[in-house]
C-alpha atoms as a PDB file:
ATOM      1  CA  MET A   1     177.115 158.516 294.002  1.00  0.00           C
ATOM      2  CA  GLY A   2     178.124 161.494 292.124  1.00  0.00           C
ATOM      3  CA  VAL A   3     177.373 164.972 290.249  1.00  0.00           C
ATOM      4  CA  ILE A   4     174.732 164.496 287.174  1.00  0.00           C
ATOM      5  CA  PRO A   5     176.313 165.476 284.133  1.00  0.00           C
ATOM      6  CA  TYR A   6     175.092 168.705 282.473  1.00  0.00           C
ATOM      7  CA  ASP A   7     176.535 170.746 279.553  1.00  0.00           C
ATOM      8  CA  VAL A   8     176.679 174.457 280.265  1.00  0.00           C
ATOM      9  CA  THR A   9     174.646 176.535 277.652  1.00  0.00           C
ATOM     10  CA  GLU A  10     175.530 179.919 276.001  1.00  0.00           C
ATOM     11  CA  GLU A  11     172.633 181.413 277.735  1.00  0.00           C
ATOM     12  CA  ASP A  12     173.761 180.054 281.255  1.00  0.00           C
ATOM     13  CA  LYS A  13     177.267 181.462 280.522  1.00  0.00           C
ATOM     14  CA  ARG A  14     175.716 184.797 279.577  1.00  0.00           C
ATOM     15  CA  ARG A  15     173.545 184.572 282.973  1.00  0.00           C
ATOM     16  CA  PHE A  16     176.780 183.704 284.711  1.00  0.00           C
ATOM     17  CA  ASP A  17     178.712 186.777 283.152  1.00  0.00           C
ATOM     18  CA  GLU A  18     175.912 189.228 283.422  1.00  0.00           C
ATOM     19  CA  ASP A  19     174.666 188.514 286.772  1.00  0.00           C
ATOM     20  CA  GLY A  20     177.735 186.987 288.619  1.00  0.00           C
ATOM     21  CA  TYR A  21     175.933 183.708 289.393  1.00  0.00           C
ATOM     22  CA  TRP A  22     173.988 181.104 287.727  1.00  0.00           C
ATOM     23  CA  ILE A  23     171.516 178.427 289.239  1.00  0.00           C
ATOM     24  CA  SER A  24     172.203 174.926 287.879  1.00  0.00           C
ATOM     25  CA  PRO A  25     169.738 172.175 287.295  1.00  0.00           C
ATOM     26  CA  LYS A  26     169.724 169.280 289.754  1.00  0.00           C
ATOM     27  CA  LEU A  27     173.082 167.976 289.859  1.00  0.00           C
ATOM     28  CA  LEU A  28     172.560 165.178 292.899  1.00  0.00           C
ATOM     29  CA  ASP A  29     170.124 162.437 292.894  1.00  0.00           C
ATOM     30  CA  ASP A  30     167.906 162.073 295.906  1.00  0.00           C
ATOM     31  CA  ASP A  31     170.325 159.134 297.386  1.00  0.00           C
ATOM     32  CA  THR A  32     173.110 161.372 297.210  1.00  0.00           C
ATOM     33  CA  ILE A  33     171.343 164.205 298.838  1.00  0.00           C
ATOM     34  CA  ARG A  34     170.632 161.943 301.724  1.00  0.00           C
ATOM     35  CA  ARG A  35     173.925 160.473 302.102  1.00  0.00           C
ATOM     36  CA  LEU A  36     175.457 164.211 302.383  1.00  0.00           C
ATOM     37  CA  ARG A  37     172.971 164.839 304.993  1.00  0.00           C
ATOM     38  CA  GLU A  38     174.057 162.027 307.044  1.00  0.00           C
ATOM     39  CA  ALA A  39     177.415 163.239 305.945  1.00  0.00           C
ATOM     40  CA  HIS A  40     176.601 166.547 307.889  1.00  0.00           C
ATOM     41  CA  GLU A  41     175.703 164.502 311.028  1.00  0.00           C
ATOM     42  CA  ARG A  42     179.034 162.546 311.049  1.00  0.00           C
ATOM     43  CA  VAL A  43     180.937 165.702 310.742  1.00  0.00           C
ATOM     44  CA  TRP A  44     179.494 167.558 313.533  1.00  0.00           C
ATOM     45  CA  SER A  45     179.650 164.440 315.537  1.00  0.00           C
ATOM     46  CA  LYS A  46     183.570 164.233 314.979  1.00  0.00           C
ATOM     47  CA  LYS A  47     183.287 160.877 313.119  1.00  0.00           C
ATOM     48  CA  HIS A  48     186.187 161.139 310.414  1.00  0.00           C
ATOM     49  CA  ASP A  49     186.741 158.478 307.578  1.00  0.00           C
ATOM     50  CA  GLY A  50     190.138 157.264 306.952  1.00  0.00           C
ATOM     51  CA  HIS A  51     193.194 157.775 309.160  1.00  0.00           C
ATOM     52  CA  GLY A  52     194.705 161.041 307.837  1.00  0.00           C
ATOM     53  CA  LEU A  53     194.925 164.229 309.950  1.00  0.00           C
ATOM     54  CA  PRO A  54     193.994 162.936 313.211  1.00  0.00           C
ATOM     55  CA  PHE A  55     194.731 166.501 314.664  1.00  0.00           C
ATOM     56  CA  TYR A  56     191.733 167.879 312.695  1.00  0.00           C
ATOM     57  CA  ASP A  57     189.369 169.052 314.943  1.00  0.00           C
ATOM     58  CA  TYR A  58     186.346 171.179 315.054  1.00  0.00           C
ATOM     59  CA  SER A  59     184.411 172.937 318.090  1.00  0.00           C
ATOM     60  CA  LEU A  60     180.841 173.552 317.878  1.00  0.00           C
ATOM     61  CA  PRO A  61     179.792 177.396 318.724  1.00  0.00           C
ATOM     62  CA  GLU A  62     178.533 177.832 322.180  1.00  0.00           C
ATOM     63  CA  ASN A  63     175.329 179.744 320.651  1.00  0.00           C
ATOM     64  CA  PRO A  64     172.923 176.838 319.392  1.00  0.00           C
ATOM     65  CA  LEU A  65     171.545 179.165 316.785  1.00  0.00           C
ATOM     66  CA  ALA A  66     175.060 179.944 315.258  1.00  0.00           C
ATOM     67  CA  LEU A  67     176.419 179.307 311.885  1.00  0.00           C
ATOM     68  CA  ARG A  68     178.680 176.073 311.715  1.00  0.00           C
ATOM     69  CA  LYS A  69     181.261 176.082 309.177  1.00  0.00           C
ATOM     70  CA  LEU A  70     183.995 173.527 308.356  1.00  0.00           C
ATOM     71  CA  ASP A  71     186.656 173.999 305.783  1.00  0.00           C
ATOM     72  CA  ASN A  72     188.153 170.934 303.842  1.00  0.00           C
ATOM     73  CA  GLY A  73     185.454 168.611 304.822  1.00  0.00           C
ATOM     74  CA  TRP A  74     186.706 166.431 301.912  1.00  0.00           C
ATOM     75  CA  TRP A  75     189.750 165.453 304.086  1.00  0.00           C
ATOM     76  CA  ILE A  76     187.477 163.662 306.785  1.00  0.00           C
ATOM     77  CA  ASN A  77     184.646 162.684 304.902  1.00  0.00           C
ATOM     78  CA  ASP A  78     184.318 160.241 301.878  1.00  0.00           C
ATOM     79  CA  GLU A  79     180.750 161.333 300.716  1.00  0.00           C
ATOM     80  CA  ILE A  80     181.742 164.940 300.593  1.00  0.00           C
ATOM     81  CA  ARG A  81     185.016 164.083 298.807  1.00  0.00           C
ATOM     82  CA  ALA A  82     183.167 162.452 296.118  1.00  0.00           C
ATOM     83  CA  VAL A  83     181.189 165.363 295.406  1.00  0.00           C
ATOM     84  CA  VAL A  84     183.572 168.335 295.705  1.00  0.00           C
ATOM     85  CA  THR A  85     185.990 166.737 293.760  1.00  0.00           C
ATOM     86  CA  ASP A  86     183.709 165.406 290.988  1.00  0.00           C
ATOM     87  CA  ARG A  87     184.902 165.658 287.350  1.00  0.00           C
ATOM     88  CA  GLU A  88     181.522 167.362 286.304  1.00  0.00           C
ATOM     89  CA  LEU A  89     181.748 170.260 288.576  1.00  0.00           C
ATOM     90  CA  GLY A  90     185.056 171.043 287.310  1.00  0.00           C
ATOM     91  CA  LYS A  91     183.656 170.833 283.840  1.00  0.00           C
ATOM     92  CA  MET A  92     180.876 173.193 284.556  1.00  0.00           C
ATOM     93  CA  ALA A  93     183.297 175.756 286.165  1.00  0.00           C
ATOM     94  CA  SER A  94     185.661 175.200 283.284  1.00  0.00           C
ATOM     95  CA  GLU A  95     182.951 176.273 280.844  1.00  0.00           C
ATOM     96  CA  LEU A  96     181.501 179.197 282.983  1.00  0.00           C
ATOM     97  CA  LEU A  97     185.087 180.708 283.676  1.00  0.00           C
ATOM     98  CA  ASP A  98     186.749 179.972 280.457  1.00  0.00           C
ATOM     99  CA  GLU A  99     189.548 178.273 281.869  1.00  0.00           C
ATOM    100  CA  ALA A 100     191.273 174.970 280.523  1.00  0.00           C
ATOM    101  CA  ALA A 101     191.719 173.337 283.814  1.00  0.00           C
ATOM    102  CA  ILE A 102     190.091 173.479 287.268  1.00  0.00           C
ATOM    103  CA  ARG A 103     191.424 172.566 290.809  1.00  0.00           C
ATOM    104  CA  LEU A 104     189.799 172.479 294.023  1.00  0.00           C
ATOM    105  CA  TRP A 105     190.825 175.456 296.251  1.00  0.00           C
ATOM    106  CA  HIS A 106     188.982 174.192 299.200  1.00  0.00           C
ATOM    107  CA  ASP A 107     185.456 173.152 300.540  1.00  0.00           C
ATOM    108  CA  GLN A 108     183.159 173.982 303.222  1.00  0.00           C
ATOM    109  CA  VAL A 109     180.354 172.283 305.181  1.00  0.00           C
ATOM    110  CA  ILE A 110     177.757 174.666 306.330  1.00  0.00           C
ATOM    111  CA  TYR A 111     175.129 173.997 308.745  1.00  0.00           C
ATOM    112  CA  LYS A 112     172.709 177.067 309.496  1.00  0.00           C
ATOM    113  CA  PRO A 113     170.104 176.046 312.498  1.00  0.00           C
ATOM    114  CA  GLY A 114     166.537 176.822 312.371  1.00  0.00           C
ATOM    115  CA  THR A 115     165.231 179.030 314.852  1.00  0.00           C
ATOM    116  CA  SER A 116     161.471 178.318 314.528  1.00  0.00           C
ATOM    117  CA  GLY A 117     160.549 181.680 313.942  1.00  0.00           C
ATOM    118  CA  GLN A 118     162.872 183.381 316.385  1.00  0.00           C
ATOM    119  CA  GLU A 119     164.371 186.509 315.031  1.00  0.00           C
ATOM    120  CA  THR A 120     168.229 186.353 315.449  1.00  0.00           C
ATOM    121  CA  LYS A 121     171.352 187.648 313.821  1.00  0.00           C
ATOM    122  CA  ALA A 122     173.227 184.611 314.890  1.00  0.00           C
ATOM    123  CA  GLY A 123     173.240 182.523 311.709  1.00  0.00           C
ATOM    124  CA  ASN A 124     173.348 185.399 309.412  1.00  0.00           C
ATOM    125  CA  VAL A 125     176.274 185.520 306.773  1.00  0.00           C
ATOM    126  CA  GLY A 126     177.527 188.937 306.131  1.00  0.00           C
ATOM    127  CA  TRP A 127     177.575 190.626 302.776  1.00  0.00           C
ATOM    128  CA  HIS A 128     180.993 189.665 301.287  1.00  0.00           C
ATOM    129  CA  GLN A 129     183.279 188.794 298.462  1.00  0.00           C
ATOM    130  CA  ASP A 130     184.968 185.198 298.613  1.00  0.00           C
ATOM    131  CA  TYR A 131     188.041 186.764 297.077  1.00  0.00           C
ATOM    132  CA  GLY A 132     188.020 189.161 300.021  1.00  0.00           C
ATOM    133  CA  TYR A 133     189.628 185.999 301.712  1.00  0.00           C
ATOM    134  CA  TRP A 134     191.683 184.728 298.679  1.00  0.00           C
ATOM    135  CA  ARG A 135     193.761 187.576 297.746  1.00  0.00           C
ATOM    136  CA  VAL A 136     196.890 185.431 298.023  1.00  0.00           C
ATOM    137  CA  SER A 137     195.447 183.982 294.767  1.00  0.00           C
ATOM    138  CA  SER A 138     196.706 184.870 291.635  1.00  0.00           C
ATOM    139  CA  THR A 139     193.470 185.272 290.094  1.00  0.00           C
ATOM    140  CA  THR A 140     189.851 186.531 290.499  1.00  0.00           C
ATOM    141  CA  ASN A 141     188.465 184.061 288.260  1.00  0.00           C
ATOM    142  CA  MET A 142     187.374 181.737 290.735  1.00  0.00           C
ATOM    143  CA  VAL A 143     184.078 180.252 291.266  1.00  0.00           C
ATOM    144  CA  THR A 144     182.058 178.842 294.477  1.00  0.00           C
ATOM    145  CA  VAL A 145     179.441 176.124 293.965  1.00  0.00           C
ATOM    146  CA  TRP A 146     176.914 176.049 296.696  1.00  0.00           C
ATOM    147  CA  ILE A 147     175.070 172.914 296.831  1.00  0.00           C
ATOM    148  CA  ALA A 148     171.725 173.040 298.614  1.00  0.00           C
ATOM    149  CA  LEU A 149     170.669 169.675 300.432  1.00  0.00           C
ATOM    150  CA  GLN A 150     167.157 170.762 301.194  1.00  0.00           C
ATOM    151  CA  ASP A 151     164.784 173.224 299.180  1.00  0.00           C
ATOM    152  CA  THR A 152     166.151 176.634 300.131  1.00  0.00           C
ATOM    153  CA  ASP A 153     164.604 180.139 300.041  1.00  0.00           C
ATOM    154  CA  LEU A 154     164.841 183.161 302.248  1.00  0.00           C
ATOM    155  CA  SER A 155     162.292 181.298 304.645  1.00  0.00           C
ATOM    156  CA  ASN A 156     165.413 179.028 305.742  1.00  0.00           C
ATOM    157  CA  GLY A 157     168.130 181.232 305.214  1.00  0.00           C
ATOM    158  CA  GLY A 158     168.995 181.056 301.565  1.00  0.00           C
ATOM    159  CA  MET A 159     171.767 182.738 299.831  1.00  0.00           C
ATOM    160  CA  MET A 160     171.077 186.199 298.234  1.00  0.00           C
ATOM    161  CA  THR A 161     173.468 187.681 295.631  1.00  0.00           C
ATOM    162  CA  ILE A 162     173.979 191.207 294.521  1.00  0.00           C
ATOM    163  CA  LEU A 163     173.393 191.211 290.692  1.00  0.00           C
ATOM    164  CA  GLY A 164     176.596 192.362 288.873  1.00  0.00           C
ATOM    165  CA  SER A 165     178.586 193.095 291.617  1.00  0.00           C
ATOM    166  CA  HIS A 166     181.409 190.977 290.322  1.00  0.00           C
ATOM    167  CA  LYS A 167     181.977 193.722 287.883  1.00  0.00           C
ATOM    168  CA  TRP A 168     183.087 195.856 290.461  1.00  0.00           C
ATOM    169  CA  GLY A 169     186.523 194.193 291.087  1.00  0.00           C
ATOM    170  CA  ALA A 170     188.289 193.416 294.363  1.00  0.00           C
ATOM    171  CA  VAL A 171     186.501 195.723 297.093  1.00  0.00           C
ATOM    172  CA  GLU A 172     188.710 196.551 299.962  1.00  0.00           C
ATOM    173  CA  GLY A 173     187.499 195.188 303.295  1.00  0.00           C
ATOM    174  CA  SER A 174     185.087 192.700 301.756  1.00  0.00           C
ATOM    175  CA  ASP A 175     186.205 189.878 303.907  1.00  0.00           C
ATOM    176  CA  THR A 176     183.219 190.407 306.008  1.00  0.00           C
ATOM    177  CA  PHE A 177     181.665 186.842 306.116  1.00  0.00           C
ATOM    178  CA  PHE A 178     181.128 186.972 310.013  1.00  0.00           C
ATOM    179  CA  GLU A 179     179.681 190.196 310.263  1.00  0.00           C
ATOM    180  CA  GLN A 180     176.183 189.817 311.042  1.00  0.00           C
ATOM    181  CA  ASP A 181     174.742 193.101 310.681  1.00  0.00           C
ATOM    182  CA  MET A 182     173.598 193.068 307.227  1.00  0.00           C
ATOM    183  CA  GLY A 183     172.223 196.595 307.283  1.00  0.00           C
ATOM    184  CA  LYS A 184     175.494 197.751 308.367  1.00  0.00           C
ATOM    185  CA  LEU A 185     177.277 196.304 305.640  1.00  0.00           C
ATOM    186  CA  LYS A 186     174.845 197.310 303.030  1.00  0.00           C
ATOM    187  CA  ALA A 187     175.507 200.954 304.239  1.00  0.00           C
ATOM    188  CA  LYS A 188     179.256 200.167 303.730  1.00  0.00           C
ATOM    189  CA  PHE A 189     179.305 198.457 300.159  1.00  0.00           C
ATOM    190  CA  ALA A 190     176.076 199.878 298.250  1.00  0.00           C
ATOM    191  CA  THR A 191     177.969 202.667 296.689  1.00  0.00           C
ATOM    192  CA  ARG A 192     176.371 201.765 293.239  1.00  0.00           C
ATOM    193  CA  ASP A 193     173.379 199.941 292.268  1.00  0.00           C
ATOM    194  CA  TRP A 194     172.419 197.388 295.005  1.00  0.00           C
ATOM    195  CA  VAL A 195     170.095 194.899 293.737  1.00  0.00           C
ATOM    196  CA  GLU A 196     169.502 191.964 295.876  1.00  0.00           C
ATOM    197  CA  GLU A 197     168.387 188.499 294.203  1.00  0.00           C
ATOM    198  CA  PRO A 198     167.634 185.265 296.464  1.00  0.00           C
ATOM    199  CA  CYS A 199     168.899 182.256 295.241  1.00  0.00           C
ATOM    200  CA  ILE A 200     165.903 179.891 295.116  1.00  0.00           C
ATOM    201  CA  LEU A 201     167.129 176.227 295.103  1.00  0.00           C
ATOM    202  CA  LYS A 202     165.524 173.044 295.117  1.00  0.00           C
ATOM    203  CA  ALA A 203     167.308 170.170 296.665  1.00  0.00           C
ATOM    204  CA  GLY A 204     170.377 169.080 294.742  1.00  0.00           C
ATOM    205  CA  GLN A 205     170.588 172.151 292.671  1.00  0.00           C
ATOM    206  CA  ALA A 206     173.568 174.545 292.923  1.00  0.00           C
ATOM    207  CA  SER A 207     174.457 178.254 292.697  1.00  0.00           C
ATOM    208  CA  PHE A 208     177.692 178.876 290.924  1.00  0.00           C
ATOM    209  CA  HIS A 209     178.788 182.386 291.819  1.00  0.00           C
ATOM    210  CA  HIS A 210     181.853 184.504 290.987  1.00  0.00           C
ATOM    211  CA  ALA A 211     184.539 184.916 293.536  1.00  0.00           C
ATOM    212  CA  LEU A 212     183.726 188.814 293.265  1.00  0.00           C
ATOM    213  CA  THR A 213     180.025 188.447 293.562  1.00  0.00           C
ATOM    214  CA  PHE A 214     178.721 190.069 296.741  1.00  0.00           C
ATOM    215  CA  HIS A 215     176.554 187.626 298.658  1.00  0.00           C
ATOM    216  CA  GLY A 216     175.317 186.852 302.009  1.00  0.00           C
ATOM    217  CA  SER A 217     172.203 185.102 304.019  1.00  0.00           C
ATOM    218  CA  GLY A 218     169.752 186.089 306.637  1.00  0.00           C
ATOM    219  CA  THR A 219     168.064 183.846 309.455  1.00  0.00           C
ATOM    220  CA  ASN A 220     166.896 180.563 309.088  1.00  0.00           C
ATOM    221  CA  TYR A 221     163.067 180.901 310.376  1.00  0.00           C
ATOM    222  CA  SER A 222     162.018 177.175 309.606  1.00  0.00           C
ATOM    223  CA  SER A 223     162.455 174.398 312.339  1.00  0.00           C
ATOM    224  CA  GLU A 224     165.058 172.527 310.459  1.00  0.00           C
ATOM    225  CA  PRO A 225     168.711 173.092 309.810  1.00  0.00           C
ATOM    226  CA  ARG A 226     169.741 174.589 306.401  1.00  0.00           C
ATOM    227  CA  LEU A 227     172.392 172.296 305.168  1.00  0.00           C
ATOM    228  CA  SER A 228     174.783 172.808 302.101  1.00  0.00           C
ATOM    229  CA  VAL A 229     178.259 171.368 300.751  1.00  0.00           C
ATOM    230  CA  VAL A 230     180.198 173.955 298.884  1.00  0.00           C
ATOM    231  CA  ALA A 231     183.191 173.789 296.542  1.00  0.00           C
ATOM    232  CA  HIS A 232     185.358 176.860 295.842  1.00  0.00           C
ATOM    233  CA  LEU A 233     187.063 176.116 292.496  1.00  0.00           C
ATOM    234  CA  MET A 234     190.178 177.802 290.771  1.00  0.00           C
ATOM    235  CA  PRO A 235     192.024 177.692 287.520  1.00  0.00           C
ATOM    236  CA  GLY A 236     194.619 175.139 287.368  1.00  0.00           C
ATOM    237  CA  ASP A 237     197.508 177.347 286.969  1.00  0.00           C
ATOM    238  CA  THR A 238     196.345 179.519 290.016  1.00  0.00           C
ATOM    239  CA  HIS A 239     199.737 180.523 291.846  1.00  0.00           C
ATOM    240  CA  PHE A 240     200.567 182.474 295.275  1.00  0.00           C
ATOM    241  CA  ARG A 241     200.845 186.127 295.171  1.00  0.00           C
ATOM    242  CA  ASP A 242     202.288 188.097 298.069  1.00  0.00           C
ATOM    243  CA  VAL A 243     200.018 190.236 299.603  1.00  0.00           C
ATOM    244  CA  ARG A 244     199.381 191.426 303.334  1.00  0.00           C
ATOM    245  CA  GLN A 245     196.166 189.285 303.751  1.00  0.00           C
ATOM    246  CA  LYS A 246     197.008 185.612 304.088  1.00  0.00           C
ATOM    247  CA  HIS A 247     195.131 182.423 303.936  1.00  0.00           C
ATOM    248  CA  ASP A 248     195.377 179.153 305.549  1.00  0.00           C
ATOM    249  CA  ASN A 249     195.900 177.397 302.058  1.00  0.00           C
ATOM    250  CA  LEU A 250     199.299 178.870 302.076  1.00  0.00           C
ATOM    251  CA  ARG A 251     200.543 176.313 304.712  1.00  0.00           C
ATOM    252  CA  LEU A 252     199.821 173.474 302.197  1.00  0.00           C
ATOM    253  CA  LEU A 253     202.386 174.775 300.082  1.00  0.00           C
ATOM    254  CA  GLY A 254     205.063 174.053 302.635  1.00  0.00           C
ATOM    255  CA  GLY A 255     207.058 175.669 305.565  1.00  0.00           C
ATOM    256  CA  ARG A 256     208.281 178.483 303.214  1.00  0.00           C
ATOM    257  CA  PRO A 257     205.920 179.356 300.312  1.00  0.00           C
ATOM    258  CA  VAL A 258     207.397 181.607 297.681  1.00  0.00           C
ATOM    259  CA  PRO A 259     205.453 184.059 295.489  1.00  0.00           C
ATOM    260  CA  GLY A 260     204.804 182.239 292.063  1.00  0.00           C
ATOM    261  CA  MET A 261     204.478 179.036 293.685  1.00  0.00           C
ATOM    262  CA  ARG A 262     201.432 177.161 292.031  1.00  0.00           C
ATOM    263  CA  PHE A 263     198.590 175.651 294.229  1.00  0.00           C
ATOM    264  CA  ASP A 264     198.841 172.465 292.295  1.00  0.00           C
ATOM    265  CA  ARG A 265     199.755 169.585 295.082  1.00  0.00           C
ATOM    266  CA  ASP A 266     197.352 167.109 294.174  1.00  0.00           C
ATOM    267  CA  GLU A 267     196.895 165.888 297.697  1.00  0.00           C
ATOM    268  CA  TYR A 268     195.514 169.333 298.783  1.00  0.00           C
ATOM    269  CA  PHE A 269     194.324 170.866 295.576  1.00  0.00           C
ATOM    270  CA  PRO A 270     193.003 167.984 293.455  1.00  0.00           C
ATOM    271  CA  LEU A 271     192.433 168.441 289.706  1.00  0.00           C
ATOM    272  CA  LEU A 272     188.968 168.015 288.632  1.00  0.00           C
ATOM    273  CA  TYR A 273     188.820 168.663 285.154  1.00  0.00           C
ATOM    274  CA  ALA A 274     191.453 169.706 282.312  1.00  0.00           C
ATOM    275  CA  LYS A 275     190.260 169.988 278.678  1.00  0.00           C
ATOM    276  CA  GLU A 276     191.895 167.451 276.477  1.00  0.00           C
END
């Protein structure tokens, strides 16, 4: 089980630099996809691997159509851990970001319920920048790897990106993942050219999007849940900067984190890849 090796091309890099995202070829074989779908079932049933972090818990939302999102699934599930810490993901991120080393910032396990055609905003992911939540990080040069565990398009709530929005810099107030009114957010953020492009993926493909790229997703109209595993990756020398907005990762630096401390504790921020 693991990520299928792929060498990022100059054209891939050009697309990532220009558009703010890039869709990979198929990176997971069918058996790995199956095992990750089973991992979803185990996570939401609170069946954990290993004996660490016994206090780690998750409460399902009351609304059955609401999005489920769990951070750091790799702490409690071996199948997820094998993928989000895979060297090949780190190598691709290194090439796209032009960074010498790549670490895991954190992962996410995301489950978007199917509505069988019902119109609802409950599962929406609002237009946002990932860096809107990561301002304690010393760099915006980070990347999200969104891995589809089924064929994914707009009919089942696939992600959309705003082309070139990573060039806008860190936009104030862009921590709007949980705001479900997409139109309201568009009115707020569409102060420049706003070109929406869907990320259409086959099972096992991944979308690599820059931490500053605006993205979001709408309703899953299908009868089946849309499942994904997500790896958020950062340069190996990323450190803590003191800003008003904080992040849960700060507690992983210890009781009194100090600006300048690197996010490099391998037990929490494993090194995926380093150029020789």
